[in-house]
Amino acid sequence: MTQESRSKALLIGKIISMKKAQNLVILDVRNLSSFTDYFVICSGRSIRQVRALASHVEQTLKGAKLYPLGMEGVREGRWVLMDYGEVVIHLFYEPLRELYDLEGLWSDAPEISAGRELENSA
């Protein structure tokens, strides 16, 4: 399951990066969380971009037969949370990302080096 959840996190990161999301970060929270294995966090420059990112992720993953367990915040577009079980996606409007600072709250979580791994994934 660990390699499968890592692959899913990298796939999601790749999907998000294709839509020009800002500051993509993938955190490995397996040793810190009982509810998920990875956080995928990124920002959009506008509420419209955040909504578009959420829609793109949902539609692309649906094509891969992956469906969210839950989604919140899409209508507002300021902080969209998409729960895919072992991967939880946080799409932020940039000012809110700075305010909530998830990376700071989960600073003990190792960050996956997304650059090269995203190119080689999925």
Foldseek 3Di string as FASTA:
>chain_A
DVVVLVLVLLQLVLQLVVLVWADWWKWQCCVPDPFAGIETETEDQDLVSLLVSVVSSQVVVVVVVQHFPDWDDNVVSAWIWTHRGNYIYTYHHVVVCVVVVPCVVVVVTDIDPNVPVSVVGD
